[in-house]
Structure formats: structure tokens, C-alpha cells
Amino acid sequence: MSSVPSPGVTNLHLAPGQVSPQGLIAEIDEGLFVTDLIGMGANVVTGDYSRGAAGFWIERGELAYPVSEVTIAGNLIDIFRTLTPANDLEFRRGINAPTVQVDDLTVAGV
């Protein structure tokens, strides 16, 4: 048995920004620090994006408490246009990206 081919990241490099991850978090009044993504949910025709996530809720610039089984959603064009990279780039084989901040995603289930 075999499966249908599917797209995936095998070679990515995103340049680091100027601010630390802690600096990015400090600027957020309310949001989600994602540590784990679950499932697949991108429509490559429309750009609609939705995935399950887990991480830590941010309140007044600080990590407040852990959350799991939430959904994040947005549009890939908006995500790529608004992302802000942190300065914590680590080189790991073919996928190299720092922490990123993405504005205006919908978070459900908190």
C-alpha cells in the first residue's frame, strides 16, 4: 500500500528579525503562543488556513496559562504579509526559521 503524494516543507529559510521572542510577547495584550500544531488545514486555492493548536495564552504581555485543543484560522496571504520574525533563528537541517508573530488570526476554543 502507498499513499497519495502530499506537499510538505523540505527546504525553508526565514531570516531572523531584530526583536527577541520575549520582546514580541511583551507587546501582545491578548493572544496565543503556539507550541504545537495539529492536523492539516490549508486551501491552496483560496489561502484559507485552519489548524488545531496548543500552547500558552498571553495576557498583558506575559504567558498566562497552557491551552490545548484550540483552533487558529486566517488566510495565508495575510499571514505571510503580517508575520514578524524574532531574532532566535537556529539552523536545523533544511528547515530554518525563527519564532514568528502573526497578527489578526482567529483563535477559537479558549
PDB file of N, CA and C in Angstrom:
ATOM      1  N   MET A   1       0.834  -1.174   0.000  1.00  0.00           N
ATOM      2  CA  MET A   1       0.000   0.000   0.000  1.00  0.00           C
ATOM      3  C   MET A   1       0.880   1.239   0.000  1.00  0.00           C
ATOM      4  N   SER A   2       0.364   2.259  -0.640  1.00  0.00           N
ATOM      5  CA  SER A   2       1.055   3.543  -0.634  1.00  0.00           C
ATOM      6  C   SER A   2       0.023   4.647  -0.524  1.00  0.00           C
ATOM      7  N   SER A   3       0.509   5.847  -0.270  1.00  0.00           N
ATOM      8  CA  SER A   3      -0.406   6.974  -0.131  1.00  0.00           C
ATOM      9  C   SER A   3      -0.192   7.962  -1.270  1.00  0.00           C
ATOM     10  N   VAL A   4      -1.133   8.842  -1.415  1.00  0.00           N
ATOM     11  CA  VAL A   4      -1.070   9.876  -2.427  1.00  0.00           C
ATOM     12  C   VAL A   4       0.013  10.882  -2.027  1.00  0.00           C
ATOM     13  N   PRO A   5       0.798  11.370  -2.957  1.00  0.00           N
ATOM     14  CA  PRO A   5       1.792  12.393  -2.600  1.00  0.00           C
ATOM     15  C   PRO A   5       1.122  13.629  -2.016  1.00  0.00           C
ATOM     16  N   SER A   6       1.775  14.251  -1.061  1.00  0.00           N
ATOM     17  CA  SER A   6       1.229  15.470  -0.478  1.00  0.00           C
ATOM     18  C   SER A   6       2.355  16.476  -0.281  1.00  0.00           C
ATOM     19  N   PRO A   7       2.033  17.772  -0.344  1.00  0.00           N
ATOM     20  CA  PRO A   7       3.075  18.788  -0.199  1.00  0.00           C
ATOM     21  C   PRO A   7       3.558  18.872   1.237  1.00  0.00           C
ATOM     22  N   GLY A   8       4.774  19.292   1.399  1.00  0.00           N
ATOM     23  CA  GLY A   8       5.342  19.486   2.715  1.00  0.00           C
ATOM     24  C   GLY A   8       6.607  20.319   2.623  1.00  0.00           C
ATOM     25  N   VAL A   9       7.012  20.878   3.732  1.00  0.00           N
ATOM     26  CA  VAL A   9       8.208  21.704   3.767  1.00  0.00           C
ATOM     27  C   VAL A   9       9.438  20.817   3.858  1.00  0.00           C
ATOM     28  N   THR A  10      10.361  20.992   2.927  1.00  0.00           N
ATOM     29  CA  THR A  10      11.612  20.243   2.985  1.00  0.00           C
ATOM     30  C   THR A  10      12.824  21.156   2.926  1.00  0.00           C
ATOM     31  N   ASN A  11      12.612  22.411   2.530  1.00  0.00           N
ATOM     32  CA  ASN A  11      13.720  23.334   2.379  1.00  0.00           C
ATOM     33  C   ASN A  11      13.204  24.747   2.618  1.00  0.00           C
ATOM     34  N   LEU A  12      13.450  25.305   3.802  1.00  0.00           N
ATOM     35  CA  LEU A  12      12.921  26.615   4.159  1.00  0.00           C
ATOM     36  C   LEU A  12      13.968  27.392   4.933  1.00  0.00           C
ATOM     37  N   HIS A  13      14.115  28.663   4.606  1.00  0.00           N
ATOM     38  CA  HIS A  13      14.959  29.560   5.400  1.00  0.00           C
ATOM     39  C   HIS A  13      14.236  30.888   5.540  1.00  0.00           C
ATOM     40  N   LEU A  14      13.990  31.322   6.767  1.00  0.00           N
ATOM     41  CA  LEU A  14      13.378  32.609   7.054  1.00  0.00           C
ATOM     42  C   LEU A  14      14.384  33.408   7.873  1.00  0.00           C
ATOM     43  N   ALA A  15      14.773  34.561   7.376  1.00  0.00           N
ATOM     44  CA  ALA A  15      15.774  35.385   8.052  1.00  0.00           C
ATOM     45  C   ALA A  15      15.257  35.863   9.411  1.00  0.00           C
ATOM     46  N   PRO A  16      16.163  36.008  10.378  1.00  0.00           N
ATOM     47  CA  PRO A  16      15.741  36.481  11.700  1.00  0.00           C
ATOM     48  C   PRO A  16      15.428  37.967  11.691  1.00  0.00           C
ATOM     49  N   GLY A  17      14.651  38.382  12.691  1.00  0.00           N
ATOM     50  CA  GLY A  17      14.334  39.794  12.866  1.00  0.00           C
ATOM     51  C   GLY A  17      15.246  40.417  13.912  1.00  0.00           C
ATOM     52  N   GLN A  18      14.790  41.525  14.491  1.00  0.00           N
ATOM     53  CA  GLN A  18      15.597  42.285  15.453  1.00  0.00           C
ATOM     54  C   GLN A  18      15.179  42.073  16.906  1.00  0.00           C
ATOM     55  N   VAL A  19      13.927  41.648  17.126  1.00  0.00           N
ATOM     56  CA  VAL A  19      13.364  41.568  18.479  1.00  0.00           C
ATOM     57  C   VAL A  19      13.412  40.130  18.991  1.00  0.00           C
ATOM     58  N   SER A  20      13.623  39.959  20.285  1.00  0.00           N
ATOM     59  CA  SER A  20      13.608  38.626  20.894  1.00  0.00           C
ATOM     60  C   SER A  20      12.179  38.099  20.959  1.00  0.00           C
ATOM     61  N   PRO A  21      12.018  36.771  21.101  1.00  0.00           N
ATOM     62  CA  PRO A  21      10.666  36.235  21.299  1.00  0.00           C
ATOM     63  C   PRO A  21       9.972  36.859  22.519  1.00  0.00           C
ATOM     64  N   GLN A  22      10.728  37.088  23.597  1.00  0.00           N
ATOM     65  CA  GLN A  22      10.154  37.710  24.792  1.00  0.00           C
ATOM     66  C   GLN A  22       9.691  39.136  24.493  1.00  0.00           C
ATOM     67  N   GLY A  23      10.430  39.846  23.630  1.00  0.00           N
ATOM     68  CA  GLY A  23      10.031  41.193  23.231  1.00  0.00           C
ATOM     69  C   GLY A  23       8.749  41.193  22.421  1.00  0.00           C
ATOM     70  N   LEU A  24       8.604  40.205  21.532  1.00  0.00           N
ATOM     71  CA  LEU A  24       7.360  40.087  20.765  1.00  0.00           C
ATOM     72  C   LEU A  24       6.181  39.805  21.688  1.00  0.00           C
ATOM     73  N   ILE A  25       6.371  38.888  22.623  1.00  0.00           N
ATOM     74  CA  ILE A  25       5.306  38.527  23.570  1.00  0.00           C
ATOM     75  C   ILE A  25       4.921  39.731  24.423  1.00  0.00           C
ATOM     76  N   ALA A  26       5.908  40.510  24.854  1.00  0.00           N
ATOM     77  CA  ALA A  26       5.659  41.665  25.719  1.00  0.00           C
ATOM     78  C   ALA A  26       4.748  42.692  25.061  1.00  0.00           C
ATOM     79  N   GLU A  27       4.701  42.731  23.730  1.00  0.00           N
ATOM     80  CA  GLU A  27       3.874  43.699  23.001  1.00  0.00           C
ATOM     81  C   GLU A  27       2.430  43.230  22.792  1.00  0.00           C
ATOM     82  N   ILE A  28       2.121  41.990  23.180  1.00  0.00           N
ATOM     83  CA  ILE A  28       0.801  41.417  22.921  1.00  0.00           C
ATOM     84  C   ILE A  28      -0.082  41.551  24.155  1.00  0.00           C
ATOM     85  N   ASP A  29      -1.234  42.214  24.001  1.00  0.00           N
ATOM     86  CA  ASP A  29      -2.160  42.371  25.107  1.00  0.00           C
ATOM     87  C   ASP A  29      -2.903  41.066  25.392  1.00  0.00           C
ATOM     88  N   GLU A  30      -3.355  40.400  24.318  1.00  0.00           N
ATOM     89  CA  GLU A  30      -4.057  39.126  24.455  1.00  0.00           C
ATOM     90  C   GLU A  30      -3.803  38.309  23.203  1.00  0.00           C
ATOM     91  N   GLY A  31      -3.399  37.050  23.370  1.00  0.00           N
ATOM     92  CA  GLY A  31      -3.114  36.219  22.211  1.00  0.00           C
ATOM     93  C   GLY A  31      -2.703  34.818  22.601  1.00  0.00           C
ATOM     94  N   LEU A  32      -2.144  34.103  21.637  1.00  0.00           N
ATOM     95  CA  LEU A  32      -1.768  32.704  21.827  1.00  0.00           C
ATOM     96  C   LEU A  32      -0.337  32.490  21.364  1.00  0.00           C
ATOM     97  N   PHE A  33       0.501  31.912  22.213  1.00  0.00           N
ATOM     98  CA  PHE A  33       1.850  31.490  21.868  1.00  0.00           C
ATOM     99  C   PHE A  33       1.752  30.014  21.492  1.00  0.00           C
ATOM    100  N   VAL A  34       1.824  29.724  20.210  1.00  0.00           N
ATOM    101  CA  VAL A  34       1.621  28.362  19.713  1.00  0.00           C
ATOM    102  C   VAL A  34       2.902  27.561  19.864  1.00  0.00           C
ATOM    103  N   THR A  35       2.773  26.380  20.491  1.00  0.00           N
ATOM    104  CA  THR A  35       3.917  25.475  20.619  1.00  0.00           C
ATOM    105  C   THR A  35       3.729  24.188  19.830  1.00  0.00           C
ATOM    106  N   ASP A  36       2.483  23.900  19.415  1.00  0.00           N
ATOM    107  CA  ASP A  36       2.205  22.654  18.707  1.00  0.00           C
ATOM    108  C   ASP A  36       1.031  22.868  17.758  1.00  0.00           C
ATOM    109  N   LEU A  37       1.182  22.388  16.526  1.00  0.00           N
ATOM    110  CA  LEU A  37       0.098  22.436  15.546  1.00  0.00           C
ATOM    111  C   LEU A  37      -0.383  21.030  15.259  1.00  0.00           C
ATOM    112  N   ILE A  38      -1.686  20.880  15.033  1.00  0.00           N
ATOM    113  CA  ILE A  38      -2.303  19.569  14.875  1.00  0.00           C
ATOM    114  C   ILE A  38      -3.040  19.525  13.539  1.00  0.00           C
ATOM    115  N   GLY A  39      -2.822  18.489  12.769  1.00  0.00           N
ATOM    116  CA  GLY A  39      -3.568  18.294  11.531  1.00  0.00           C
ATOM    117  C   GLY A  39      -3.112  19.187  10.399  1.00  0.00           C
ATOM    118  N   MET A  40      -3.854  19.114   9.312  1.00  0.00           N
ATOM    119  CA  MET A  40      -3.585  19.921   8.123  1.00  0.00           C
ATOM    120  C   MET A  40      -4.841  20.705   7.806  1.00  0.00           C
ATOM    121  N   GLY A  41      -4.698  21.913   7.308  1.00  0.00           N
ATOM    122  CA  GLY A  41      -5.885  22.687   7.011  1.00  0.00           C
ATOM    123  C   GLY A  41      -5.626  23.916   6.184  1.00  0.00           C
ATOM    124  N   ALA A  42      -4.994  23.763   5.038  1.00  0.00           N
ATOM    125  CA  ALA A  42      -4.766  24.904   4.150  1.00  0.00           C
ATOM    126  C   ALA A  42      -5.412  24.634   2.801  1.00  0.00           C
ATOM    127  N   ASN A  43      -6.183  25.598   2.332  1.00  0.00           N
ATOM    128  CA  ASN A  43      -6.757  25.521   1.000  1.00  0.00           C
ATOM    129  C   ASN A  43      -5.841  26.330   0.088  1.00  0.00           C
ATOM    130  N   VAL A  44      -5.093  25.654  -0.777  1.00  0.00           N
ATOM    131  CA  VAL A  44      -4.103  26.339  -1.611  1.00  0.00           C
ATOM    132  C   VAL A  44      -4.748  27.182  -2.707  1.00  0.00           C
ATOM    133  N   VAL A  45      -6.024  27.021  -2.968  1.00  0.00           N
ATOM    134  CA  VAL A  45      -6.714  27.840  -3.971  1.00  0.00           C
ATOM    135  C   VAL A  45      -7.135  29.179  -3.366  1.00  0.00           C
ATOM    136  N   THR A  46      -7.784  29.152  -2.192  1.00  0.00           N
ATOM    137  CA  THR A  46      -8.295  30.375  -1.569  1.00  0.00           C
ATOM    138  C   THR A  46      -7.328  30.975  -0.551  1.00  0.00           C
ATOM    139  N   GLY A  47      -6.410  30.166  -0.031  1.00  0.00           N
ATOM    140  CA  GLY A  47      -5.500  30.629   1.008  1.00  0.00           C
ATOM    141  C   GLY A  47      -6.049  30.497   2.414  1.00  0.00           C
ATOM    142  N   ASP A  48      -7.273  29.986   2.547  1.00  0.00           N
ATOM    143  CA  ASP A  48      -7.850  29.811   3.878  1.00  0.00           C
ATOM    144  C   ASP A  48      -7.040  28.781   4.656  1.00  0.00           C
ATOM    145  N   TYR A  49      -6.801  29.082   5.926  1.00  0.00           N
ATOM    146  CA  TYR A  49      -5.945  28.254   6.774  1.00  0.00           C
ATOM    147  C   TYR A  49      -6.628  28.055   8.114  1.00  0.00           C
ATOM    148  N   SER A  50      -6.666  26.804   8.584  1.00  0.00           N
ATOM    149  CA  SER A  50      -7.259  26.488   9.869  1.00  0.00           C
ATOM    150  C   SER A  50      -6.613  25.223  10.398  1.00  0.00           C
ATOM    151  N   ARG A  51      -6.112  25.282  11.640  1.00  0.00           N
ATOM    152  CA  ARG A  51      -5.480  24.107  12.251  1.00  0.00           C
ATOM    153  C   ARG A  51      -5.734  24.083  13.743  1.00  0.00           C
ATOM    154  N   GLY A  52      -5.668  22.891  14.285  1.00  0.00           N
ATOM    155  CA  GLY A  52      -5.707  22.756  15.727  1.00  0.00           C
ATOM    156  C   GLY A  52      -4.366  23.191  16.293  1.00  0.00           C
ATOM    157  N   ALA A  53      -4.386  23.707  17.516  1.00  0.00           N
ATOM    158  CA  ALA A  53      -3.157  24.203  18.118  1.00  0.00           C
ATOM    159  C   ALA A  53      -3.178  24.018  19.627  1.00  0.00           C
ATOM    160  N   ALA A  54      -1.980  24.082  20.198  1.00  0.00           N
ATOM    161  CA  ALA A  54      -1.797  24.071  21.646  1.00  0.00           C
ATOM    162  C   ALA A  54      -0.666  25.045  21.958  1.00  0.00           C
ATOM    163  N   GLY A  55      -0.640  25.535  23.170  1.00  0.00           N
ATOM    164  CA  GLY A  55       0.411  26.470  23.551  1.00  0.00           C
ATOM    165  C   GLY A  55       0.094  27.149  24.859  1.00  0.00           C
ATOM    166  N   PHE A  56       0.377  28.442  24.920  1.00  0.00           N
ATOM    167  CA  PHE A  56       0.155  29.223  26.134  1.00  0.00           C
ATOM    168  C   PHE A  56      -0.600  30.496  25.796  1.00  0.00           C
ATOM    169  N   TRP A  57      -1.626  30.812  26.600  1.00  0.00           N
ATOM    170  CA  TRP A  57      -2.374  32.031  26.399  1.00  0.00           C
ATOM    171  C   TRP A  57      -1.533  33.194  26.912  1.00  0.00           C
ATOM    172  N   ILE A  58      -1.560  34.301  26.178  1.00  0.00           N
ATOM    173  CA  ILE A  58      -0.813  35.507  26.542  1.00  0.00           C
ATOM    174  C   ILE A  58      -1.807  36.544  27.054  1.00  0.00           C
ATOM    175  N   GLU A  59      -1.505  37.109  28.220  1.00  0.00           N
ATOM    176  CA  GLU A  59      -2.295  38.208  28.780  1.00  0.00           C
ATOM    177  C   GLU A  59      -1.356  39.311  29.227  1.00  0.00           C
ATOM    178  N   ARG A  60      -1.606  40.521  28.767  1.00  0.00           N
ATOM    179  CA  ARG A  60      -0.815  41.698  29.141  1.00  0.00           C
ATOM    180  C   ARG A  60       0.688  41.456  28.990  1.00  0.00           C
ATOM    181  N   GLY A  61       1.070  40.842  27.864  1.00  0.00           N
ATOM    182  CA  GLY A  61       2.488  40.682  27.554  1.00  0.00           C
ATOM    183  C   GLY A  61       3.207  39.566  28.282  1.00  0.00           C
ATOM    184  N   GLU A  62       2.458  38.657  28.927  1.00  0.00           N
ATOM    185  CA  GLU A  62       3.091  37.541  29.643  1.00  0.00           C
ATOM    186  C   GLU A  62       2.348  36.240  29.360  1.00  0.00           C
ATOM    187  N   LEU A  63       3.088  35.119  29.365  1.00  0.00           N
ATOM    188  CA  LEU A  63       2.453  33.808  29.230  1.00  0.00           C
ATOM    189  C   LEU A  63       1.645  33.556  30.489  1.00  0.00           C
ATOM    190  N   ALA A  64       0.337  33.290  30.321  1.00  0.00           N
ATOM    191  CA  ALA A  64      -0.558  33.202  31.471  1.00  0.00           C
ATOM    192  C   ALA A  64      -0.858  31.760  31.895  1.00  0.00           C
ATOM    193  N   TYR A  65      -1.275  30.914  30.945  1.00  0.00           N
ATOM    194  CA  TYR A  65      -1.632  29.544  31.285  1.00  0.00           C
ATOM    195  C   TYR A  65      -1.628  28.695  30.014  1.00  0.00           C
ATOM    196  N   PRO A  66      -1.443  27.367  30.168  1.00  0.00           N
ATOM    197  CA  PRO A  66      -1.428  26.491  28.989  1.00  0.00           C
ATOM    198  C   PRO A  66      -2.828  26.305  28.405  1.00  0.00           C
ATOM    199  N   VAL A  67      -2.896  26.150  27.096  1.00  0.00           N
ATOM    200  CA  VAL A  67      -4.150  25.846  26.413  1.00  0.00           C
ATOM    201  C   VAL A  67      -3.904  24.718  25.417  1.00  0.00           C
ATOM    202  N   SER A  68      -4.950  23.944  25.162  1.00  0.00           N
ATOM    203  CA  SER A  68      -4.857  22.882  24.151  1.00  0.00           C
ATOM    204  C   SER A  68      -6.205  22.747  23.473  1.00  0.00           C
ATOM    205  N   GLU A  69      -6.194  22.054  22.348  1.00  0.00           N
ATOM    206  CA  GLU A  69      -7.407  21.801  21.580  1.00  0.00           C
ATOM    207  C   GLU A  69      -8.122  23.094  21.179  1.00  0.00           C
ATOM    208  N   VAL A  70      -7.349  24.094  20.762  1.00  0.00           N
ATOM    209  CA  VAL A  70      -7.929  25.316  20.213  1.00  0.00           C
ATOM    210  C   VAL A  70      -7.738  25.290  18.706  1.00  0.00           C
ATOM    211  N   THR A  71      -8.409  26.169  18.009  1.00  0.00           N
ATOM    212  CA  THR A  71      -8.280  26.281  16.562  1.00  0.00           C
ATOM    213  C   THR A  71      -7.776  27.673  16.219  1.00  0.00           C
ATOM    214  N   ILE A  72      -6.795  27.737  15.319  1.00  0.00           N
ATOM    215  CA  ILE A  72      -6.366  29.023  14.786  1.00  0.00           C
ATOM    216  C   ILE A  72      -6.761  29.065  13.316  1.00  0.00           C
ATOM    217  N   ALA A  73      -7.166  30.237  12.836  1.00  0.00           N
ATOM    218  CA  ALA A  73      -7.613  30.347  11.452  1.00  0.00           C
ATOM    219  C   ALA A  73      -7.283  31.730  10.902  1.00  0.00           C
ATOM    220  N   GLY A  74      -7.037  31.760   9.607  1.00  0.00           N
ATOM    221  CA  GLY A  74      -6.757  33.010   8.915  1.00  0.00           C
ATOM    222  C   GLY A  74      -6.594  32.736   7.438  1.00  0.00           C
ATOM    223  N   ASN A  75      -5.940  33.643   6.750  1.00  0.00           N
ATOM    224  CA  ASN A  75      -5.673  33.486   5.332  1.00  0.00           C
ATOM    225  C   ASN A  75      -4.175  33.566   5.117  1.00  0.00           C
ATOM    226  N   LEU A  76      -3.631  32.653   4.326  1.00  0.00           N
ATOM    227  CA  LEU A  76      -2.183  32.567   4.140  1.00  0.00           C
ATOM    228  C   LEU A  76      -1.581  33.862   3.609  1.00  0.00           C
ATOM    229  N   ILE A  77      -2.273  34.559   2.724  1.00  0.00           N
ATOM    230  CA  ILE A  77      -1.749  35.829   2.201  1.00  0.00           C
ATOM    231  C   ILE A  77      -1.578  36.829   3.342  1.00  0.00           C
ATOM    232  N   ASP A  78      -2.576  36.936   4.213  1.00  0.00           N
ATOM    233  CA  ASP A  78      -2.491  37.846   5.358  1.00  0.00           C
ATOM    234  C   ASP A  78      -1.427  37.387   6.350  1.00  0.00           C
ATOM    235  N   ILE A  79      -1.331  36.080   6.564  1.00  0.00           N
ATOM    236  CA  ILE A  79      -0.327  35.542   7.492  1.00  0.00           C
ATOM    237  C   ILE A  79       1.066  35.904   7.016  1.00  0.00           C
ATOM    238  N   PHE A  80       1.373  35.634   5.758  1.00  0.00           N
ATOM    239  CA  PHE A  80       2.714  35.922   5.239  1.00  0.00           C
ATOM    240  C   PHE A  80       2.989  37.420   5.201  1.00  0.00           C
ATOM    241  N   ARG A  81       1.971  38.235   4.960  1.00  0.00           N
ATOM    242  CA  ARG A  81       2.149  39.687   4.871  1.00  0.00           C
ATOM    243  C   ARG A  81       2.429  40.302   6.243  1.00  0.00           C
ATOM    244  N   THR A  82       1.855  39.736   7.310  1.00  0.00           N
ATOM    245  CA  THR A  82       1.956  40.374   8.626  1.00  0.00           C
ATOM    246  C   THR A  82       2.926  39.696   9.587  1.00  0.00           C
ATOM    247  N   LEU A  83       3.590  38.630   9.186  1.00  0.00           N
ATOM    248  CA  LEU A  83       4.446  37.968  10.168  1.00  0.00           C
ATOM    249  C   LEU A  83       5.680  38.803  10.493  1.00  0.00           C
ATOM    250  N   THR A  84       6.065  38.765  11.772  1.00  0.00           N
ATOM    251  CA  THR A  84       7.246  39.460  12.275  1.00  0.00           C
ATOM    252  C   THR A  84       8.183  38.416  12.854  1.00  0.00           C
ATOM    253  N   PRO A  85       9.376  38.232  12.279  1.00  0.00           N
ATOM    254  CA  PRO A  85      10.308  37.231  12.806  1.00  0.00           C
ATOM    255  C   PRO A  85      11.059  37.753  14.030  1.00  0.00           C
ATOM    256  N   ALA A  86      11.325  36.851  14.961  1.00  0.00           N
ATOM    257  CA  ALA A  86      12.147  37.168  16.132  1.00  0.00           C
ATOM    258  C   ALA A  86      13.617  36.929  15.771  1.00  0.00           C
ATOM    259  N   ASN A  87      14.497  37.157  16.734  1.00  0.00           N
ATOM    260  CA  ASN A  87      15.935  37.036  16.489  1.00  0.00           C
ATOM    261  C   ASN A  87      16.532  35.704  16.948  1.00  0.00           C
ATOM    262  N   ASP A  88      15.698  34.678  17.094  1.00  0.00           N
ATOM    263  CA  ASP A  88      16.169  33.403  17.660  1.00  0.00           C
ATOM    264  C   ASP A  88      16.348  32.291  16.625  1.00  0.00           C
ATOM    265  N   LEU A  89      16.799  32.635  15.435  1.00  0.00           N
ATOM    266  CA  LEU A  89      16.997  31.633  14.382  1.00  0.00           C
ATOM    267  C   LEU A  89      18.031  30.598  14.810  1.00  0.00           C
ATOM    268  N   GLU A  90      17.672  29.324  14.666  1.00  0.00           N
ATOM    269  CA  GLU A  90      18.599  28.213  14.875  1.00  0.00           C
ATOM    270  C   GLU A  90      18.600  27.379  13.612  1.00  0.00           C
ATOM    271  N   PHE A  91      19.776  26.995  13.137  1.00  0.00           N
ATOM    272  CA  PHE A  91      19.872  26.189  11.924  1.00  0.00           C
ATOM    273  C   PHE A  91      19.647  24.724  12.264  1.00  0.00           C
ATOM    274  N   ARG A  92      18.633  24.137  11.611  1.00  0.00           N
ATOM    275  CA  ARG A  92      18.272  22.730  11.832  1.00  0.00           C
ATOM    276  C   ARG A  92      18.004  22.086  10.489  1.00  0.00           C
ATOM    277  N   ARG A  93      18.997  21.498   9.927  1.00  0.00           N
ATOM    278  CA  ARG A  93      18.866  20.792   8.654  1.00  0.00           C
ATOM    279  C   ARG A  93      18.291  21.693   7.574  1.00  0.00           C
ATOM    280  N   GLY A  94      17.195  21.298   6.931  1.00  0.00           N
ATOM    281  CA  GLY A  94      16.651  22.042   5.809  1.00  0.00           C
ATOM    282  C   GLY A  94      15.536  23.003   6.162  1.00  0.00           C
ATOM    283  N   ILE A  95      15.123  23.059   7.425  1.00  0.00           N
ATOM    284  CA  ILE A  95      14.044  23.957   7.834  1.00  0.00           C
ATOM    285  C   ILE A  95      14.597  24.887   8.912  1.00  0.00           C
ATOM    286  N   ASN A  96      14.813  26.149   8.542  1.00  0.00           N
ATOM    287  CA  ASN A  96      15.431  27.113   9.449  1.00  0.00           C
ATOM    288  C   ASN A  96      14.560  28.354   9.545  1.00  0.00           C
ATOM    289  N   ALA A  97      13.899  28.523  10.696  1.00  0.00           N
ATOM    290  CA  ALA A  97      13.033  29.682  10.890  1.00  0.00           C
ATOM    291  C   ALA A  97      13.032  30.081  12.356  1.00  0.00           C
ATOM    292  N   PRO A  98      13.005  31.389  12.619  1.00  0.00           N
ATOM    293  CA  PRO A  98      12.891  31.855  13.995  1.00  0.00           C
ATOM    294  C   PRO A  98      11.439  31.805  14.462  1.00  0.00           C
ATOM    295  N   THR A  99      11.213  32.134  15.714  1.00  0.00           N
ATOM    296  CA  THR A  99       9.868  32.364  16.224  1.00  0.00           C
ATOM    297  C   THR A  99       9.262  33.500  15.407  1.00  0.00           C
ATOM    298  N   VAL A 100       7.972  33.409  15.087  1.00  0.00           N
ATOM    299  CA  VAL A 100       7.319  34.483  14.349  1.00  0.00           C
ATOM    300  C   VAL A 100       6.044  34.922  15.058  1.00  0.00           C
ATOM    301  N   GLN A 101       5.732  36.199  14.919  1.00  0.00           N
ATOM    302  CA  GLN A 101       4.465  36.751  15.413  1.00  0.00           C
ATOM    303  C   GLN A 101       3.568  36.961  14.202  1.00  0.00           C
ATOM    304  N   VAL A 102       2.317  36.493  14.296  1.00  0.00           N
ATOM    305  CA  VAL A 102       1.337  36.691  13.241  1.00  0.00           C
ATOM    306  C   VAL A 102       0.147  37.434  13.838  1.00  0.00           C
ATOM    307  N   ASP A 103      -0.189  38.560  13.246  1.00  0.00           N
ATOM    308  CA  ASP A 103      -1.299  39.369  13.754  1.00  0.00           C
ATOM    309  C   ASP A 103      -2.627  38.938  13.167  1.00  0.00           C
ATOM    310  N   ASP A 104      -3.680  39.133  13.931  1.00  0.00           N
ATOM    311  CA  ASP A 104      -5.072  39.010  13.460  1.00  0.00           C
ATOM    312  C   ASP A 104      -5.507  37.615  13.022  1.00  0.00           C
ATOM    313  N   LEU A 105      -4.993  36.562  13.639  1.00  0.00           N
ATOM    314  CA  LEU A 105      -5.556  35.231  13.420  1.00  0.00           C
ATOM    315  C   LEU A 105      -6.771  35.079  14.334  1.00  0.00           C
ATOM    316  N   THR A 106      -7.715  34.275  13.904  1.00  0.00           N
ATOM    317  CA  THR A 106      -8.852  33.948  14.761  1.00  0.00           C
ATOM    318  C   THR A 106      -8.448  32.772  15.642  1.00  0.00           C
ATOM    319  N   VAL A 107      -8.722  32.876  16.937  1.00  0.00           N
ATOM    320  CA  VAL A 107      -8.447  31.794  17.883  1.00  0.00           C
ATOM    321  C   VAL A 107      -9.778  31.390  18.502  1.00  0.00           C
ATOM    322  N   ALA A 108     -10.127  30.102  18.398  1.00  0.00           N
ATOM    323  CA  ALA A 108     -11.393  29.619  18.942  1.00  0.00           C
ATOM    324  C   ALA A 108     -11.138  28.469  19.913  1.00  0.00           C
ATOM    325  N   GLY A 109     -11.945  28.390  20.949  1.00  0.00           N
ATOM    326  CA  GLY A 109     -11.865  27.274  21.874  1.00  0.00           C
ATOM    327  C   GLY A 109     -11.116  27.553  23.154  1.00  0.00           C
ATOM    328  N   VAL A 110     -10.754  28.819  23.394  1.00  0.00           N
ATOM    329  CA  VAL A 110     -10.009  29.144  24.611  1.00  0.00           C
ATOM    330  C   VAL A 110     -10.979  29.314  25.748  1.00  0.00           C
TER     331      VAL A 110
END
